[in-house]
Amino acid sequence: GLGVPSPRDPKAVPTASALRVIQEPGEVQVTAGDTVALRCQVEVAESGAVLRMEWARDGELGVLCATRLDFVTPLPMSPCPARALGVQLAWKPPRATLSLPQVQGNDSGRYLCRVTLEI
């Protein structure tokens, strides 16, 4: 069966049921200077999938981290190809971990993991 793309996202893949994203923890309390690890679990119906993953802070335009991942190929913790300094991403299927070093008080907020399935 075909899923129906949500009207909010014109680029939504018709088979929306093929991808499920779970973010945890929902909220983190941290002290300035700490390193924070945010996790995002991705469940994909097709094992050969290529994912486009973006991390952003809610309410901000810039993307903290944007990368393409081969679903089955692990990626060791490595610098993110984006502007944010020191941000690193690791991919251990089916879970991605975003590492934010030495957070400051103004880094608080909601962080969103957005995953697009490339077909």
N, C-alpha and C. Protein backbone atom coordinates (compact mmCIF):
# COMPACT_ATOMS: atom_id res chain seq x y z
N GLY A 1 0.83 -1.20 0.00
CA GLY A 1 0.00 0.00 0.00
C GLY A 1 0.86 1.24 0.00
N LEU A 2 0.33 2.26 -0.59
CA LEU A 2 1.05 3.53 -0.64
C LEU A 2 0.60 4.43 0.49
N GLY A 3 1.57 5.05 1.15
CA GLY A 3 1.23 6.07 2.14
C GLY A 3 0.90 7.35 1.40
N VAL A 4 0.29 8.29 2.07
CA VAL A 4 -0.04 9.56 1.43
C VAL A 4 0.93 10.61 1.96
N PRO A 5 1.60 11.34 1.07
CA PRO A 5 2.53 12.37 1.56
C PRO A 5 1.78 13.44 2.35
N SER A 6 2.42 13.93 3.40
CA SER A 6 1.75 14.96 4.18
C SER A 6 1.77 16.26 3.39
N PRO A 7 0.70 17.03 3.44
CA PRO A 7 0.62 18.26 2.64
C PRO A 7 1.67 19.29 3.06
N ARG A 8 2.18 19.19 4.31
CA ARG A 8 3.17 20.16 4.76
C ARG A 8 4.50 19.99 4.04
N ASP A 9 4.80 18.79 3.60
CA ASP A 9 6.09 18.52 2.98
C ASP A 9 5.90 18.03 1.55
N PRO A 10 6.02 18.94 0.59
CA PRO A 10 5.79 18.55 -0.81
C PRO A 10 6.78 17.50 -1.29
N LYS A 11 7.94 17.37 -0.61
CA LYS A 11 8.95 16.41 -1.05
C LYS A 11 8.75 15.05 -0.38
N ALA A 12 7.70 14.89 0.39
CA ALA A 12 7.50 13.64 1.12
C ALA A 12 7.46 12.45 0.16
N VAL A 13 8.09 11.39 0.57
CA VAL A 13 8.11 10.17 -0.25
C VAL A 13 6.73 9.52 -0.16
N PRO A 14 6.15 9.12 -1.31
CA PRO A 14 4.82 8.51 -1.28
C PRO A 14 4.71 7.33 -0.31
N THR A 15 5.77 6.51 -0.22
CA THR A 15 5.71 5.38 0.72
C THR A 15 6.22 5.85 2.08
N ALA A 16 5.45 6.71 2.71
CA ALA A 16 5.86 7.30 3.97
C ALA A 16 6.06 6.24 5.06
N SER A 17 5.40 5.12 4.91
CA SER A 17 5.49 4.06 5.92
C SER A 17 6.85 3.38 5.92
N ALA A 18 7.69 3.65 4.91
CA ALA A 18 8.97 2.98 4.80
C ALA A 18 10.02 3.56 5.75
N LEU A 19 9.70 4.67 6.41
CA LEU A 19 10.68 5.35 7.24
C LEU A 19 10.07 5.75 8.58
N ARG A 20 10.78 5.44 9.66
CA ARG A 20 10.32 5.85 10.99
C ARG A 20 11.52 6.40 11.75
N VAL A 21 11.33 7.56 12.38
CA VAL A 21 12.41 8.21 13.10
C VAL A 21 12.01 8.40 14.56
N ILE A 22 12.89 7.98 15.47
CA ILE A 22 12.62 8.13 16.90
C ILE A 22 13.76 8.92 17.51
N GLN A 23 13.42 10.01 18.18
CA GLN A 23 14.44 10.84 18.80
C GLN A 23 14.43 10.65 20.29
N GLU A 24 15.61 10.53 20.89
CA GLU A 24 15.69 10.45 22.33
C GLU A 24 17.06 10.99 22.76
N PRO A 25 17.24 11.56 23.90
CA PRO A 25 16.15 11.91 24.82
C PRO A 25 15.38 13.12 24.31
N GLY A 26 14.14 13.26 24.74
CA GLY A 26 13.34 14.40 24.29
C GLY A 26 13.85 15.71 24.86
N GLU A 27 14.35 15.65 26.09
CA GLU A 27 14.84 16.86 26.73
C GLU A 27 16.10 16.54 27.52
N VAL A 28 17.08 17.44 27.46
CA VAL A 28 18.32 17.22 28.19
C VAL A 28 18.61 18.45 29.03
N GLN A 29 18.96 18.23 30.28
CA GLN A 29 19.42 19.33 31.12
C GLN A 29 20.94 19.24 31.15
N VAL A 30 21.61 20.34 30.81
CA VAL A 30 23.07 20.29 30.79
C VAL A 30 23.66 21.50 31.50
N THR A 31 24.91 21.36 31.86
CA THR A 31 25.65 22.46 32.47
C THR A 31 26.59 23.03 31.41
N ALA A 32 26.80 24.35 31.44
CA ALA A 32 27.71 24.98 30.49
C ALA A 32 29.06 24.29 30.54
N GLY A 33 29.63 24.02 29.36
CA GLY A 33 30.92 23.34 29.30
C GLY A 33 30.80 21.85 29.06
N ASP A 34 29.61 21.29 29.27
CA ASP A 34 29.38 19.86 29.03
C ASP A 34 29.38 19.55 27.54
N THR A 35 29.61 18.27 27.23
CA THR A 35 29.39 17.79 25.87
C THR A 35 28.07 17.04 25.89
N VAL A 36 27.21 17.34 24.93
CA VAL A 36 25.88 16.75 24.88
C VAL A 36 25.79 15.77 23.71
N ALA A 37 25.19 14.61 23.96
CA ALA A 37 24.97 13.63 22.89
C ALA A 37 23.47 13.51 22.65
N LEU A 38 23.05 13.76 21.43
CA LEU A 38 21.64 13.63 21.05
C LEU A 38 21.53 12.44 20.10
N ARG A 39 20.52 11.61 20.32
CA ARG A 39 20.39 10.41 19.50
C ARG A 39 19.12 10.43 18.66
N CYS A 40 19.23 9.79 17.52
CA CYS A 40 18.12 9.70 16.59
C CYS A 40 18.14 8.30 15.99
N GLN A 41 17.07 7.56 16.19
CA GLN A 41 17.02 6.19 15.66
C GLN A 41 16.16 6.18 14.40
N VAL A 42 16.67 5.52 13.38
CA VAL A 42 15.99 5.50 12.08
C VAL A 42 15.66 4.06 11.71
N GLU A 43 14.39 3.82 11.41
CA GLU A 43 13.99 2.49 10.96
C GLU A 43 13.52 2.59 9.51
N VAL A 44 14.18 1.83 8.65
CA VAL A 44 13.91 1.89 7.22
C VAL A 44 13.51 0.50 6.72
N ALA A 45 12.51 0.47 5.86
CA ALA A 45 12.04 -0.81 5.34
C ALA A 45 13.04 -1.43 4.37
N GLU A 46 13.74 -0.58 3.61
CA GLU A 46 14.68 -1.11 2.61
C GLU A 46 16.11 -0.99 3.14
N SER A 47 16.85 -2.08 3.10
CA SER A 47 18.19 -2.07 3.68
C SER A 47 19.19 -1.27 2.85
N GLY A 48 18.96 -1.13 1.57
CA GLY A 48 19.91 -0.41 0.72
C GLY A 48 19.65 1.08 0.64
N ALA A 49 18.89 1.60 1.58
CA ALA A 49 18.46 2.99 1.51
C ALA A 49 19.61 3.97 1.75
N VAL A 50 19.48 5.14 1.13
CA VAL A 50 20.38 6.25 1.41
C VAL A 50 19.56 7.32 2.12
N LEU A 51 20.08 7.79 3.24
CA LEU A 51 19.35 8.76 4.05
C LEU A 51 20.02 10.12 3.96
N ARG A 52 19.22 11.14 3.94
CA ARG A 52 19.73 12.50 4.09
C ARG A 52 19.32 12.93 5.50
N MET A 53 20.30 13.21 6.34
CA MET A 53 20.00 13.56 7.72
C MET A 53 20.41 15.00 8.00
N GLU A 54 19.50 15.72 8.63
CA GLU A 54 19.79 17.10 9.03
C GLU A 54 19.43 17.28 10.49
N TRP A 55 20.27 17.99 11.20
CA TRP A 55 19.99 18.36 12.59
C TRP A 55 19.85 19.87 12.63
N ALA A 56 18.80 20.32 13.26
CA ALA A 56 18.59 21.76 13.37
C ALA A 56 18.06 22.08 14.75
N ARG A 57 18.21 23.33 15.14
CA ARG A 57 17.65 23.77 16.41
C ARG A 57 16.33 24.42 16.10
N ASP A 58 15.30 24.04 16.83
CA ASP A 58 13.96 24.56 16.59
C ASP A 58 13.96 26.07 16.66
N GLY A 59 13.34 26.70 15.66
CA GLY A 59 13.24 28.15 15.67
C GLY A 59 14.41 28.86 15.02
N GLU A 60 15.41 28.10 14.59
CA GLU A 60 16.56 28.70 13.91
C GLU A 60 16.62 28.23 12.47
N LEU A 61 17.11 29.10 11.61
CA LEU A 61 17.16 28.77 10.19
C LEU A 61 18.33 27.86 9.84
N GLY A 62 19.46 28.07 10.48
CA GLY A 62 20.65 27.31 10.12
C GLY A 62 20.55 25.84 10.49
N VAL A 63 21.25 25.01 9.73
CA VAL A 63 21.32 23.58 10.02
C VAL A 63 22.64 23.31 10.73
N LEU A 64 22.58 22.59 11.85
CA LEU A 64 23.79 22.26 12.62
C LEU A 64 24.65 21.24 11.90
N CYS A 65 23.97 20.32 11.24
CA CYS A 65 24.67 19.20 10.63
C CYS A 65 23.81 18.68 9.49
N ALA A 66 24.41 18.47 8.35
CA ALA A 66 23.68 17.90 7.21
C ALA A 66 24.59 16.89 6.54
N THR A 67 24.09 15.69 6.36
CA THR A 67 24.94 14.66 5.75
C THR A 67 24.09 13.61 5.06
N ARG A 68 24.74 12.81 4.22
CA ARG A 68 24.07 11.67 3.60
C ARG A 68 24.69 10.41 4.18
N LEU A 69 23.84 9.45 4.51
CA LEU A 69 24.30 8.21 5.12
C LEU A 69 23.79 7.02 4.33
N ASP A 70 24.65 6.04 4.18
CA ASP A 70 24.23 4.77 3.62
C ASP A 70 23.69 3.99 4.81
N PHE A 71 22.45 3.55 4.75
CA PHE A 71 21.80 2.98 5.93
C PHE A 71 22.61 1.86 6.58
N VAL A 72 23.27 1.02 5.77
CA VAL A 72 23.94 -0.16 6.34
C VAL A 72 25.41 0.08 6.69
N THR A 73 25.95 1.26 6.35
CA THR A 73 27.38 1.49 6.57
C THR A 73 27.63 2.40 7.78
N PRO A 74 28.24 1.86 8.84
CA PRO A 74 28.51 2.69 10.01
C PRO A 74 29.49 3.81 9.70
N LEU A 75 29.37 4.89 10.44
CA LEU A 75 30.25 6.04 10.29
C LEU A 75 30.80 6.37 11.68
N PRO A 76 32.14 6.36 11.84
CA PRO A 76 32.68 6.70 13.15
C PRO A 76 32.43 8.18 13.46
N MET A 77 32.55 8.55 14.72
CA MET A 77 32.34 9.94 15.12
C MET A 77 33.26 10.83 14.28
N SER A 78 32.67 11.73 13.51
CA SER A 78 33.47 12.57 12.64
C SER A 78 32.83 13.95 12.52
N PRO A 79 33.65 14.96 12.18
CA PRO A 79 33.12 16.32 12.10
C PRO A 79 31.98 16.42 11.09
N CYS A 80 31.02 17.24 11.43
CA CYS A 80 29.85 17.41 10.59
C CYS A 80 30.15 18.35 9.45
N PRO A 81 29.70 18.02 8.24
CA PRO A 81 29.91 18.95 7.12
C PRO A 81 28.90 20.09 7.19
N ALA A 82 29.09 20.97 8.15
CA ALA A 82 28.22 22.14 8.29
C ALA A 82 28.99 23.22 9.06
N ARG A 83 28.34 24.35 9.26
CA ARG A 83 29.03 25.51 9.84
C ARG A 83 29.41 25.33 11.30
N ALA A 84 28.55 24.65 12.06
CA ALA A 84 28.72 24.61 13.51
C ALA A 84 30.08 24.01 13.91
N LEU A 85 30.82 24.74 14.69
CA LEU A 85 32.17 24.35 15.07
C LEU A 85 32.17 23.20 16.07
N GLY A 86 32.96 22.18 15.77
CA GLY A 86 33.13 21.10 16.72
C GLY A 86 32.01 20.08 16.79
N VAL A 87 30.93 20.32 16.05
CA VAL A 87 29.81 19.37 16.07
C VAL A 87 30.22 18.11 15.33
N GLN A 88 29.95 16.95 15.93
CA GLN A 88 30.32 15.69 15.31
C GLN A 88 29.13 14.75 15.23
N LEU A 89 29.20 13.86 14.26
CA LEU A 89 28.12 12.90 14.06
C LEU A 89 28.69 11.49 13.91
N ALA A 90 28.03 10.54 14.56
CA ALA A 90 28.39 9.13 14.38
C ALA A 90 27.13 8.40 13.93
N TRP A 91 27.33 7.37 13.11
CA TRP A 91 26.20 6.57 12.61
C TRP A 91 26.50 5.11 12.86
N LYS A 92 25.72 4.51 13.75
CA LYS A 92 25.84 3.09 14.03
C LYS A 92 24.45 2.53 13.80
N PRO A 93 24.18 2.05 12.56
CA PRO A 93 22.80 1.66 12.21
C PRO A 93 22.14 0.84 13.31
N PRO A 94 20.90 1.21 13.68
CA PRO A 94 20.06 2.25 13.05
C PRO A 94 20.08 3.57 13.82
N ARG A 95 21.17 3.89 14.54
CA ARG A 95 21.14 5.05 15.42
C ARG A 95 22.24 6.05 15.09
N ALA A 96 21.86 7.32 15.00
CA ALA A 96 22.82 8.40 14.81
C ALA A 96 22.99 9.13 16.14
N THR A 97 24.20 9.58 16.41
CA THR A 97 24.48 10.35 17.61
C THR A 97 25.15 11.65 17.21
N LEU A 98 24.54 12.75 17.61
CA LEU A 98 25.10 14.07 17.35
C LEU A 98 25.76 14.54 18.64
N SER A 99 27.01 14.96 18.53
CA SER A 99 27.76 15.40 19.70
C SER A 99 27.99 16.90 19.63
N LEU A 100 27.54 17.60 20.67
CA LEU A 100 27.72 19.06 20.75
C LEU A 100 28.73 19.33 21.87
N PRO A 101 29.93 19.81 21.52
CA PRO A 101 30.95 20.01 22.55
C PRO A 101 30.78 21.34 23.27
N GLN A 102 31.14 21.36 24.54
CA GLN A 102 31.19 22.58 25.34
C GLN A 102 29.99 23.50 25.11
N VAL A 103 28.81 22.98 25.43
CA VAL A 103 27.60 23.78 25.23
C VAL A 103 27.59 24.97 26.18
N GLN A 104 26.91 26.01 25.74
CA GLN A 104 26.74 27.20 26.56
C GLN A 104 25.27 27.32 26.94
N GLY A 105 24.97 28.21 27.84
CA GLY A 105 23.59 28.40 28.28
C GLY A 105 22.65 28.71 27.12
N ASN A 106 23.16 29.45 26.12
CA ASN A 106 22.28 29.84 25.01
C ASN A 106 22.12 28.73 23.98
N ASP A 107 22.68 27.55 24.26
CA ASP A 107 22.49 26.41 23.36
C ASP A 107 21.23 25.62 23.70
N SER A 108 20.54 26.04 24.77
CA SER A 108 19.36 25.28 25.17
C SER A 108 18.25 25.46 24.15
N GLY A 109 17.39 24.46 24.06
CA GLY A 109 16.29 24.53 23.10
C GLY A 109 15.99 23.14 22.59
N ARG A 110 15.09 23.09 21.63
CA ARG A 110 14.73 21.81 21.03
C ARG A 110 15.58 21.59 19.79
N TYR A 111 16.13 20.38 19.69
CA TYR A 111 16.93 20.02 18.53
C TYR A 111 16.17 18.96 17.74
N LEU A 112 16.10 19.15 16.45
CA LEU A 112 15.30 18.25 15.61
C LEU A 112 16.20 17.47 14.66
N CYS A 113 15.91 16.19 14.58
CA CYS A 113 16.60 15.32 13.64
C CYS A 113 15.62 15.08 12.49
N ARG A 114 16.00 15.53 11.29
CA ARG A 114 15.11 15.37 10.14
C ARG A 114 15.77 14.41 9.15
N VAL A 115 15.04 13.38 8.80
CA VAL A 115 15.60 12.35 7.93
C VAL A 115 14.75 12.23 6.66
N THR A 116 15.40 12.26 5.52
CA THR A 116 14.73 12.08 4.24
C THR A 116 15.27 10.82 3.59
N LEU A 117 14.40 10.01 3.06
CA LEU A 117 14.79 8.79 2.37
C LEU A 117 15.01 9.13 0.90
N GLU A 118 16.20 8.86 0.40
CA GLU A 118 16.46 9.12 -1.02
C GLU A 118 16.13 7.88 -1.81
N ILE A 119 15.35 8.08 -2.89
CA ILE A 119 14.98 6.93 -3.70
C ILE A 119 15.43 7.13 -5.14
